[in-house]
Amino acid sequence: MTKKDSILTALRHGSLNRFEAERMGDHCLPTTIAELRSEGHVIDGEWEEVPTRFGKSCRVKRYRLVGVQ
């Protein structure tokens, strides 16, 4: 299974942000999302705030595959 296949499977079962994708071996989720979109997959992105290990927060996008329940 390729990295794109793993990310697409994860999106079919829920949603991902870049930190969750990092644990799956994807070090640049926005690039993978762009590749999947170029292949015709409709993927929505929504900003969210997540805590950092330094006690602050940062904004990242949470991606979801459109049309999947």
N, C-alpha and C. Protein backbone atom coordinates (compact mmCIF):
# COMPACT_ATOMS: atom_id res chain seq x y z
N MET A 1 0.86 -1.17 0.00
CA MET A 1 0.00 0.00 0.00
C MET A 1 0.91 1.24 0.00
N THR A 2 0.60 2.19 -0.87
CA THR A 2 1.39 3.42 -0.95
C THR A 2 0.94 4.41 0.13
N LYS A 3 1.73 5.45 0.29
CA LYS A 3 1.38 6.51 1.24
C LYS A 3 0.03 7.12 0.87
N LYS A 4 -0.17 7.41 -0.43
CA LYS A 4 -1.45 7.99 -0.86
C LYS A 4 -2.61 7.04 -0.56
N ASP A 5 -2.40 5.74 -0.78
CA ASP A 5 -3.45 4.76 -0.48
C ASP A 5 -3.79 4.77 1.01
N SER A 6 -2.77 4.85 1.85
CA SER A 6 -2.99 4.87 3.31
C SER A 6 -3.79 6.10 3.73
N ILE A 7 -3.43 7.26 3.18
CA ILE A 7 -4.13 8.50 3.52
C ILE A 7 -5.56 8.44 3.01
N LEU A 8 -5.76 7.97 1.79
CA LEU A 8 -7.11 7.87 1.23
C LEU A 8 -7.97 6.92 2.06
N THR A 9 -7.41 5.81 2.48
CA THR A 9 -8.15 4.86 3.34
C THR A 9 -8.53 5.52 4.66
N ALA A 10 -7.58 6.25 5.25
CA ALA A 10 -7.87 6.95 6.51
C ALA A 10 -8.98 7.98 6.32
N LEU A 11 -8.96 8.69 5.20
CA LEU A 11 -9.99 9.70 4.93
C LEU A 11 -11.35 9.05 4.69
N ARG A 12 -11.36 7.85 4.15
CA ARG A 12 -12.63 7.14 3.95
C ARG A 12 -13.26 6.73 5.28
N HIS A 13 -12.43 6.63 6.32
CA HIS A 13 -12.92 6.22 7.63
C HIS A 13 -13.02 7.37 8.63
N GLY A 14 -12.72 8.59 8.19
CA GLY A 14 -12.78 9.72 9.10
C GLY A 14 -12.08 10.93 8.53
N SER A 15 -11.30 11.61 9.36
CA SER A 15 -10.62 12.82 8.93
C SER A 15 -9.20 12.81 9.48
N LEU A 16 -8.36 13.70 8.94
CA LEU A 16 -6.96 13.76 9.35
C LEU A 16 -6.47 15.20 9.39
N ASN A 17 -5.56 15.48 10.32
CA ASN A 17 -4.78 16.71 10.23
C ASN A 17 -3.32 16.30 10.05
N ARG A 18 -2.43 17.25 9.86
CA ARG A 18 -1.04 16.93 9.53
C ARG A 18 -0.31 16.16 10.62
N PHE A 19 -0.68 16.36 11.88
CA PHE A 19 -0.01 15.65 12.96
C PHE A 19 -0.45 14.18 13.02
N GLU A 20 -1.71 13.94 12.76
CA GLU A 20 -2.21 12.56 12.71
C GLU A 20 -1.59 11.83 11.52
N ALA A 21 -1.47 12.52 10.38
CA ALA A 21 -0.87 11.91 9.19
C ALA A 21 0.61 11.64 9.39
N GLU A 22 1.27 12.48 10.16
CA GLU A 22 2.70 12.29 10.46
C GLU A 22 2.93 10.93 11.12
N ARG A 23 2.04 10.54 12.02
CA ARG A 23 2.16 9.24 12.70
C ARG A 23 1.96 8.08 11.73
N MET A 24 1.35 8.38 10.57
CA MET A 24 1.15 7.35 9.54
C MET A 24 2.29 7.36 8.52
N GLY A 25 3.26 8.23 8.70
CA GLY A 25 4.40 8.28 7.79
C GLY A 25 4.32 9.35 6.72
N ASP A 26 3.28 10.17 6.74
CA ASP A 26 3.15 11.26 5.76
C ASP A 26 3.69 12.54 6.39
N HIS A 27 4.82 12.99 5.89
CA HIS A 27 5.48 14.16 6.47
C HIS A 27 5.02 15.48 5.87
N CYS A 28 4.19 15.42 4.82
CA CYS A 28 3.67 16.66 4.21
C CYS A 28 2.26 16.40 3.68
N LEU A 29 1.31 16.32 4.59
CA LEU A 29 -0.07 16.00 4.23
C LEU A 29 -0.66 16.95 3.18
N PRO A 30 -0.42 18.27 3.25
CA PRO A 30 -1.02 19.13 2.21
C PRO A 30 -0.60 18.75 0.79
N THR A 31 0.61 18.27 0.61
CA THR A 31 1.04 17.83 -0.72
C THR A 31 0.30 16.57 -1.14
N THR A 32 0.14 15.64 -0.23
CA THR A 32 -0.61 14.41 -0.53
C THR A 32 -2.05 14.74 -0.86
N ILE A 33 -2.65 15.67 -0.12
CA ILE A 33 -4.03 16.09 -0.39
C ILE A 33 -4.12 16.70 -1.78
N ALA A 34 -3.15 17.54 -2.16
CA ALA A 34 -3.14 18.15 -3.49
C ALA A 34 -3.06 17.08 -4.58
N GLU A 35 -2.24 16.06 -4.36
CA GLU A 35 -2.14 14.96 -5.33
C GLU A 35 -3.45 14.21 -5.45
N LEU A 36 -4.09 13.92 -4.32
CA LEU A 36 -5.37 13.21 -4.35
C LEU A 36 -6.44 14.05 -5.03
N ARG A 37 -6.44 15.35 -4.78
CA ARG A 37 -7.40 16.24 -5.46
C ARG A 37 -7.16 16.25 -6.96
N SER A 38 -5.90 16.24 -7.39
CA SER A 38 -5.59 16.25 -8.83
C SER A 38 -6.04 14.96 -9.51
N GLU A 39 -6.21 13.91 -8.72
CA GLU A 39 -6.72 12.64 -9.25
C GLU A 39 -8.25 12.60 -9.25
N GLY A 40 -8.89 13.67 -8.78
CA GLY A 40 -10.34 13.75 -8.82
C GLY A 40 -11.06 13.55 -7.50
N HIS A 41 -10.33 13.28 -6.44
CA HIS A 41 -10.98 13.12 -5.13
C HIS A 41 -11.37 14.49 -4.59
N VAL A 42 -12.59 14.58 -4.07
CA VAL A 42 -13.06 15.84 -3.50
C VAL A 42 -12.80 15.80 -2.00
N ILE A 43 -11.89 16.68 -1.57
CA ILE A 43 -11.46 16.69 -0.17
C ILE A 43 -11.62 18.10 0.37
N ASP A 44 -12.34 18.20 1.47
CA ASP A 44 -12.60 19.47 2.13
C ASP A 44 -11.56 19.69 3.23
N GLY A 45 -11.22 20.95 3.46
CA GLY A 45 -10.30 21.28 4.55
C GLY A 45 -10.90 22.36 5.43
N GLU A 46 -10.74 22.20 6.73
CA GLU A 46 -11.28 23.16 7.69
C GLU A 46 -10.21 23.42 8.76
N TRP A 47 -9.99 24.70 9.06
CA TRP A 47 -8.99 25.06 10.06
C TRP A 47 -9.44 24.64 11.45
N GLU A 48 -8.49 24.18 12.25
CA GLU A 48 -8.74 23.87 13.65
C GLU A 48 -7.50 24.24 14.47
N GLU A 49 -7.70 24.45 15.75
CA GLU A 49 -6.59 24.74 16.66
C GLU A 49 -6.26 23.46 17.42
N VAL A 50 -4.98 23.13 17.46
CA VAL A 50 -4.55 21.95 18.21
C VAL A 50 -3.46 22.37 19.20
N PRO A 51 -3.39 21.69 20.33
CA PRO A 51 -2.36 22.04 21.31
C PRO A 51 -0.98 21.58 20.84
N THR A 52 0.03 22.33 21.24
CA THR A 52 1.41 21.92 20.98
C THR A 52 2.00 21.34 22.25
N ARG A 53 3.16 20.75 22.12
CA ARG A 53 3.81 20.19 23.32
C ARG A 53 4.41 21.28 24.20
N PHE A 54 4.34 22.53 23.75
CA PHE A 54 4.88 23.66 24.50
C PHE A 54 3.80 24.45 25.24
N GLY A 55 2.58 23.89 25.31
CA GLY A 55 1.51 24.54 26.04
C GLY A 55 0.81 25.65 25.27
N LYS A 56 1.08 25.76 24.00
CA LYS A 56 0.40 26.76 23.16
C LYS A 56 -0.48 26.02 22.18
N SER A 57 -1.02 26.73 21.21
CA SER A 57 -1.82 26.07 20.18
C SER A 57 -1.36 26.56 18.81
N CYS A 58 -1.68 25.77 17.80
CA CYS A 58 -1.39 26.19 16.43
C CYS A 58 -2.56 25.78 15.54
N ARG A 59 -2.67 26.47 14.42
CA ARG A 59 -3.76 26.19 13.48
C ARG A 59 -3.27 25.20 12.42
N VAL A 60 -4.08 24.19 12.18
CA VAL A 60 -3.82 23.22 11.12
C VAL A 60 -5.14 22.93 10.42
N LYS A 61 -5.04 22.37 9.24
CA LYS A 61 -6.26 21.98 8.53
C LYS A 61 -6.61 20.54 8.83
N ARG A 62 -7.89 20.30 9.01
CA ARG A 62 -8.43 18.94 9.14
C ARG A 62 -9.10 18.63 7.81
N TYR A 63 -8.69 17.55 7.19
CA TYR A 63 -9.18 17.18 5.86
C TYR A 63 -10.19 16.05 5.96
N ARG A 64 -11.23 16.16 5.11
CA ARG A 64 -12.28 15.13 5.04
C ARG A 64 -12.59 14.84 3.58
N LEU A 65 -12.83 13.60 3.28
CA LEU A 65 -13.24 13.19 1.95
C LEU A 65 -14.73 13.48 1.81
N VAL A 66 -15.11 14.25 0.80
CA VAL A 66 -16.51 14.66 0.61
C VAL A 66 -17.29 13.49 0.01
N GLY A 67 -18.49 13.30 0.53
CA GLY A 67 -19.37 12.27 0.01
C GLY A 67 -19.22 10.93 0.72
N VAL A 68 -18.38 10.86 1.73
CA VAL A 68 -18.19 9.63 2.49
C VAL A 68 -18.86 9.81 3.85
N GLN A 69 -19.66 8.84 4.24
CA GLN A 69 -20.38 8.93 5.51
C GLN A 69 -19.67 8.13 6.57
